[in-house]
Amino acid sequence: MIVLSILCTPICVLKVAGVDAGRKLCTLIGTRLGYAGGVTKLEKGPRGLRRGRGARERIVSASQQLFRDQGINGTGMDQICAVAKVSKRTLYQHFTGKDELIAECLRRFDPDILPEVFDRTDLTPRERLLAVFDIHAPLCPFIAAAVEIPDPGHTARVYARDYKRDFAARLTDTAREAGATNPERLGEQLAMLLDGASARSRVLNTETLATAAAIAAVLVDNAIPTTALPFGAGGVEQPGHHNDDAGRGAALRSGRGAAAEHPGQGHILDRITGADLIGELH
């Protein structure tokens, strides 16, 4: 009897139903074995190299970078493939087209709605409201997508609309926790202020969030009664603590405190009262 030595090269990994998790079965080139369950074929890049599941992540990452840097309409699928180092065939194995890819990029952006601010336990609710304006970021991708995609029913536009509503809801919940007399109005005002500052920063190619933070402080102080402020937040120091907000940035100063630091008729907080701001923004 002749025994042949065969080098087995797997061409696909099979998921076999009814077996323990983690067990895999490899089929050989040229065989047609029966199996139960789906088949996950190994992906190949532009040079025919197997790239595994990392290809999808590279496609999304490259798309996020390109969409941010040069816009959605200014980015082609060929360029995405080049940056992600995948073939166009591989890209279309993961996404049916550019629309689905855009939607996936937005779906992954900040899914928990700024947890690095809203979930902080070391800040008071009022401080969390103002800390939102400490986040320095380029133009909001949801605003950018809404500008570039005219169809309001597009999946990306739906994601953008839902995100903006959810973001305002988190502001509203925090405003309610802080004791605002009208938390819904304050949440909507702060959301509008933040989006406006983001868009204005892009148009003017300059930083406008510091000004937005000062206006936000006035809005917050006028919406939250003094009696609702936590102990130590209204100019009364907590025992063993110094009432110094410098470490948290200008966004954590109160509007009245900021006005005191900038005397004179030229400063925005000297010329605009809280009542004027509420009347203009609502």
Protein backbone atom coordinates (compact mmCIF):
# COMPACT_ATOMS: atom_id res chain seq x y z
CA MET A 1 0.00 0.00 0.00
CA ILE A 2 1.32 3.42 -0.98
CA VAL A 3 0.93 6.26 1.48
CA LEU A 4 0.96 9.74 0.00
CA SER A 5 2.04 12.77 1.97
CA ILE A 6 -0.40 15.60 1.39
CA LEU A 7 0.01 19.21 2.41
CA CYS A 8 -3.42 20.41 3.46
CA THR A 9 -4.18 24.06 2.86
CA PRO A 10 -7.47 25.28 4.30
CA ILE A 11 -9.48 27.56 2.07
CA CYS A 12 -12.32 28.30 4.47
CA VAL A 13 -13.29 27.99 8.10
CA LEU A 14 -16.57 26.26 8.73
CA LYS A 15 -19.02 26.88 11.52
CA VAL A 16 -20.45 23.48 12.34
CA ALA A 17 -23.73 23.46 14.19
CA GLY A 18 -24.05 21.32 17.28
CA VAL A 19 -20.40 21.42 18.35
CA ASP A 20 -18.65 23.18 21.15
CA ALA A 21 -18.01 26.89 20.77
CA GLY A 22 -14.55 27.66 19.49
CA ARG A 23 -14.12 24.42 17.52
CA LYS A 24 -13.48 24.94 13.83
CA LEU A 25 -13.30 22.64 10.84
CA CYS A 26 -11.06 23.38 7.88
CA THR A 27 -11.84 21.95 4.46
CA LEU A 28 -9.11 21.06 1.98
CA ILE A 29 -8.58 22.39 -1.52
CA GLY A 30 -10.51 20.31 -3.99
CA THR A 31 -12.80 18.66 -1.46
CA ARG A 32 -16.55 19.02 -1.25
CA LEU A 33 -17.39 17.86 2.24
CA GLY A 34 -20.89 18.19 3.62
CA TYR A 35 -21.41 20.45 6.59
CA ALA A 36 -24.09 22.13 8.61
CA GLY A 37 -23.97 25.90 9.18
CA GLY A 38 -22.58 28.92 7.37
CA VAL A 39 -19.19 29.41 5.81
CA THR A 40 -16.93 32.35 6.57
CA LYS A 41 -14.41 32.66 3.77
CA LEU A 42 -11.05 34.19 4.47
CA GLU A 43 -10.81 37.67 2.97
CA LYS A 44 -8.11 38.69 0.52
CA GLY A 45 -6.62 42.10 -0.07
CA PRO A 46 -5.40 43.67 -3.33
CA ARG A 47 -2.35 41.37 -3.43
CA GLY A 48 -4.27 38.22 -2.69
CA LEU A 49 -3.15 38.11 0.92
CA ARG A 50 -5.59 36.89 3.52
CA ARG A 51 -6.55 39.78 5.75
CA GLY A 52 -9.12 38.30 8.12
CA ARG A 53 -11.66 40.36 9.97
CA GLY A 54 -9.38 43.39 10.23
CA ALA A 55 -10.38 44.54 6.76
CA ARG A 56 -13.77 45.85 7.87
CA GLU A 57 -12.23 47.88 10.68
CA ARG A 58 -9.65 49.39 8.32
CA ILE A 59 -12.38 50.34 5.86
CA VAL A 60 -14.42 52.10 8.55
CA SER A 61 -11.36 53.79 10.05
CA ALA A 62 -10.17 55.04 6.66
CA SER A 63 -13.66 56.30 5.82
CA GLN A 64 -13.97 58.19 9.11
CA GLN A 65 -10.63 59.89 8.51
CA LEU A 66 -11.33 60.79 4.89
CA PHE A 67 -14.89 61.97 5.51
CA ARG A 68 -13.61 64.20 8.31
CA ASP A 69 -10.66 65.61 6.37
CA GLN A 70 -12.14 66.13 2.91
CA GLY A 71 -15.87 65.59 3.21
CA ILE A 72 -18.24 62.81 2.20
CA ASN A 73 -18.82 63.95 -1.36
CA GLY A 74 -15.13 64.61 -1.87
CA THR A 75 -14.17 61.03 -1.00
CA GLY A 76 -14.35 58.23 -3.53
CA MET A 77 -14.49 54.49 -3.00
CA ASP A 78 -11.16 53.99 -4.75
CA GLN A 79 -9.49 56.33 -2.29
CA ILE A 80 -11.06 54.54 0.66
CA CYS A 81 -9.74 51.23 -0.68
CA ALA A 82 -6.25 52.69 -1.09
CA VAL A 83 -6.10 54.08 2.45
CA ALA A 84 -7.64 50.95 3.98
CA LYS A 85 -5.35 48.71 1.89
CA VAL A 86 -8.16 46.50 0.63
CA SER A 87 -9.44 45.61 -2.81
CA LYS A 88 -12.72 47.04 -4.02
CA ARG A 89 -14.08 43.50 -4.05
CA THR A 90 -13.34 43.17 -0.34
CA LEU A 91 -14.95 46.51 0.40
CA TYR A 92 -18.17 45.49 -1.34
CA GLN A 93 -18.16 42.21 0.54
CA HIS A 94 -18.60 44.26 3.72
CA PHE A 95 -20.70 47.18 2.47
CA THR A 96 -23.25 47.32 -0.32
CA GLY A 97 -22.18 50.84 -1.20
CA LYS A 98 -21.05 54.23 0.00
CA ASP A 99 -24.39 55.02 1.63
CA GLU A 100 -24.14 52.04 3.95
CA LEU A 101 -20.53 52.91 4.77
CA ILE A 102 -21.47 56.49 5.68
CA ALA A 103 -24.24 55.24 7.95
CA GLU A 104 -21.88 52.79 9.67
CA CYS A 105 -19.35 55.54 10.37
CA LEU A 106 -22.03 57.68 12.01
CA ARG A 107 -23.48 54.74 13.92
CA ARG A 108 -20.10 54.17 15.57
CA PHE A 109 -19.52 57.81 16.47
CA ASP A 110 -20.16 58.51 20.16
CA PRO A 111 -22.84 55.82 20.62
CA ASP A 112 -23.12 56.47 24.38
CA ILE A 113 -23.51 60.27 24.00
CA LEU A 114 -20.38 61.82 25.51
CA PRO A 115 -19.96 59.51 28.52
CA GLU A 116 -16.64 61.19 29.39
CA VAL A 117 -18.72 64.17 30.50
CA PHE A 118 -22.23 63.01 31.35
CA ASP A 119 -21.13 59.93 33.31
CA ARG A 120 -18.58 61.72 35.47
CA THR A 121 -19.29 61.45 39.18
CA ASP A 122 -16.64 63.94 40.28
CA LEU A 123 -18.57 66.89 38.80
CA THR A 124 -21.83 68.44 39.91
CA PRO A 125 -24.70 68.45 37.39
CA ARG A 126 -24.09 72.13 36.68
CA GLU A 127 -20.41 71.48 36.06
CA ARG A 128 -21.27 68.64 33.68
CA LEU A 129 -23.48 70.97 31.67
CA LEU A 130 -20.61 73.40 31.23
CA ALA A 131 -17.93 70.72 30.75
CA VAL A 132 -19.59 69.85 27.44
CA PHE A 133 -18.08 73.07 26.09
CA ASP A 134 -14.58 71.98 27.13
CA ILE A 135 -14.61 69.33 24.40
CA HIS A 136 -12.55 70.62 21.50
CA ALA A 137 -13.41 68.75 18.32
CA PRO A 138 -13.68 69.43 14.58
CA LEU A 139 -17.03 70.01 12.93
CA CYS A 140 -19.61 67.56 14.27
CA PRO A 141 -19.81 64.67 11.75
CA PHE A 142 -23.58 64.58 12.07
CA ILE A 143 -23.85 68.22 11.04
CA ALA A 144 -21.42 67.60 8.18
CA ALA A 145 -23.43 64.61 6.97
CA ALA A 146 -26.71 66.53 7.14
CA VAL A 147 -25.18 69.33 5.06
CA GLU A 148 -23.76 67.02 2.38
CA ILE A 149 -26.70 64.60 2.11
CA PRO A 150 -29.90 66.32 0.90
CA ASP A 151 -32.27 63.38 1.39
CA PRO A 152 -33.82 63.61 4.90
CA GLY A 153 -34.78 59.93 4.67
CA HIS A 154 -31.18 58.78 4.10
CA THR A 155 -29.99 56.42 6.82
CA ALA A 156 -27.15 58.77 7.73
CA ARG A 157 -29.59 61.67 8.11
CA VAL A 158 -31.76 59.52 10.38
CA TYR A 159 -28.73 58.68 12.54
CA ALA A 160 -27.83 62.38 12.68
CA ARG A 161 -31.34 63.41 13.70
CA ASP A 162 -31.57 60.73 16.39
CA TYR A 163 -28.14 61.63 17.78
CA LYS A 164 -28.96 65.32 18.06
CA ARG A 165 -32.23 64.57 19.83
CA ASP A 166 -30.52 62.14 22.20
CA PHE A 167 -27.76 64.65 22.93
CA ALA A 168 -30.29 67.34 23.81
CA ALA A 169 -32.11 64.80 25.99
CA ARG A 170 -28.93 64.12 27.97
CA LEU A 171 -28.47 67.85 28.48
CA THR A 172 -32.09 68.10 29.59
CA ASP A 173 -31.72 65.24 32.07
CA THR A 174 -28.58 66.85 33.52
CA ALA A 175 -30.32 70.24 33.72
CA ARG A 176 -33.20 68.62 35.59
CA GLU A 177 -30.72 67.01 37.98
CA ALA A 178 -29.12 70.41 38.53
CA GLY A 179 -32.49 71.87 39.51
CA ALA A 180 -33.26 73.99 36.41
CA THR A 181 -36.72 75.56 36.46
CA ASN A 182 -37.25 74.58 32.81
CA PRO A 183 -34.80 71.76 32.00
CA GLU A 184 -36.23 71.11 28.52
CA ARG A 185 -35.66 74.69 27.46
CA LEU A 186 -32.16 74.83 28.95
CA GLY A 187 -31.19 71.53 27.32
CA GLU A 188 -32.35 72.74 23.91
CA GLN A 189 -30.60 76.09 24.33
CA LEU A 190 -27.28 74.48 25.22
CA ALA A 191 -27.55 71.98 22.37
CA MET A 192 -28.25 74.79 19.91
CA LEU A 193 -25.39 76.86 21.30
CA LEU A 194 -22.92 73.99 20.99
CA ASP A 195 -23.95 73.14 17.41
CA GLY A 196 -23.76 76.80 16.44
CA ALA A 197 -20.28 77.13 17.90
CA SER A 198 -19.16 74.00 16.04
CA ALA A 199 -20.43 75.30 12.70
CA ARG A 200 -19.08 78.81 13.28
CA SER A 201 -15.65 77.45 14.17
CA ARG A 202 -15.54 75.67 10.81
CA VAL A 203 -16.77 78.66 8.81
CA LEU A 204 -14.37 81.13 10.42
CA ASN A 205 -11.56 78.56 10.81
CA THR A 206 -11.10 79.71 14.39
CA GLU A 207 -11.97 78.62 17.92
CA THR A 208 -15.36 79.84 19.17
CA LEU A 209 -16.12 77.38 21.97
CA ALA A 210 -14.65 79.65 24.65
CA THR A 211 -17.21 82.33 23.81
CA ALA A 212 -19.97 79.70 23.68
CA ALA A 213 -18.89 78.44 27.11
CA ALA A 214 -19.19 81.93 28.61
CA ILE A 215 -22.69 82.33 27.15
CA ALA A 216 -23.63 78.85 28.39
CA ALA A 217 -22.59 79.82 31.91
CA VAL A 218 -25.01 82.77 31.82
CA LEU A 219 -27.82 80.55 30.56
CA VAL A 220 -27.18 77.93 33.23
CA ASP A 221 -26.95 80.46 36.08
CA ASN A 222 -30.22 82.09 35.07
CA ALA A 223 -32.01 78.75 34.66
CA ILE A 224 -30.94 77.25 37.98
CA PRO A 225 -32.21 78.96 41.14
CA THR A 226 -29.55 79.77 43.69
CA THR A 227 -31.27 77.53 46.23
CA ALA A 228 -30.94 74.61 43.81
CA LEU A 229 -27.17 74.89 43.57
CA PRO A 230 -25.24 72.21 45.46
CA PHE A 231 -23.40 73.26 48.58
CA GLY A 232 -20.25 75.15 47.64
CA ALA A 233 -21.32 75.95 44.06
CA GLY A 234 -22.79 79.41 44.73
CA GLY A 235 -19.64 81.07 46.01
CA VAL A 236 -19.69 79.20 49.35
CA GLU A 237 -16.63 77.05 49.79
CA GLN A 238 -16.93 73.52 51.02
CA PRO A 239 -14.89 72.76 54.14
CA GLY A 240 -11.37 71.78 53.18
CA HIS A 241 -11.82 72.83 49.55
CA HIS A 242 -10.93 76.00 47.71
CA ASN A 243 -13.47 77.44 45.31
CA ASP A 244 -10.98 77.64 42.42
CA ASP A 245 -12.24 76.68 38.98
CA ALA A 246 -9.03 77.41 37.10
CA GLY A 247 -8.17 73.75 36.79
CA ARG A 248 -11.40 73.02 34.96
CA GLY A 249 -11.16 75.79 32.40
CA ALA A 250 -13.29 78.78 31.58
CA ALA A 251 -16.33 76.63 30.88
CA LEU A 252 -16.70 75.76 34.57
CA ARG A 253 -16.82 79.37 35.77
CA SER A 254 -20.19 80.89 36.53
CA GLY A 255 -21.46 83.55 34.19
CA ARG A 256 -21.49 86.15 36.96
CA GLY A 257 -17.94 85.26 37.99
CA ALA A 258 -16.75 85.50 34.40
CA ALA A 259 -18.39 88.92 34.04
CA ALA A 260 -16.61 90.13 37.16
CA GLU A 261 -13.28 89.03 35.70
CA HIS A 262 -13.89 91.03 32.52
CA PRO A 263 -15.16 94.48 33.55
CA GLY A 264 -16.08 97.09 30.99
CA GLN A 265 -18.75 97.58 28.37
CA GLY A 266 -16.80 95.74 25.68
CA HIS A 267 -17.20 92.21 27.08
CA ILE A 268 -20.13 90.08 25.96
CA LEU A 269 -21.17 89.22 29.52
CA ASP A 270 -21.34 92.91 30.41
CA ARG A 271 -23.56 93.72 27.44
CA ILE A 272 -25.94 90.74 27.46
CA THR A 273 -28.06 89.75 30.41
CA GLY A 274 -29.28 86.25 31.08
CA ALA A 275 -32.86 87.32 30.33
CA ASP A 276 -31.77 88.67 26.94
CA LEU A 277 -30.04 85.39 26.08
CA ILE A 278 -33.04 83.29 27.01
CA GLY A 279 -35.33 85.52 24.98
CA GLU A 280 -33.07 85.38 21.93
CA LEU A 281 -32.29 81.67 21.98
CA HIS A 282 -35.77 80.33 22.75
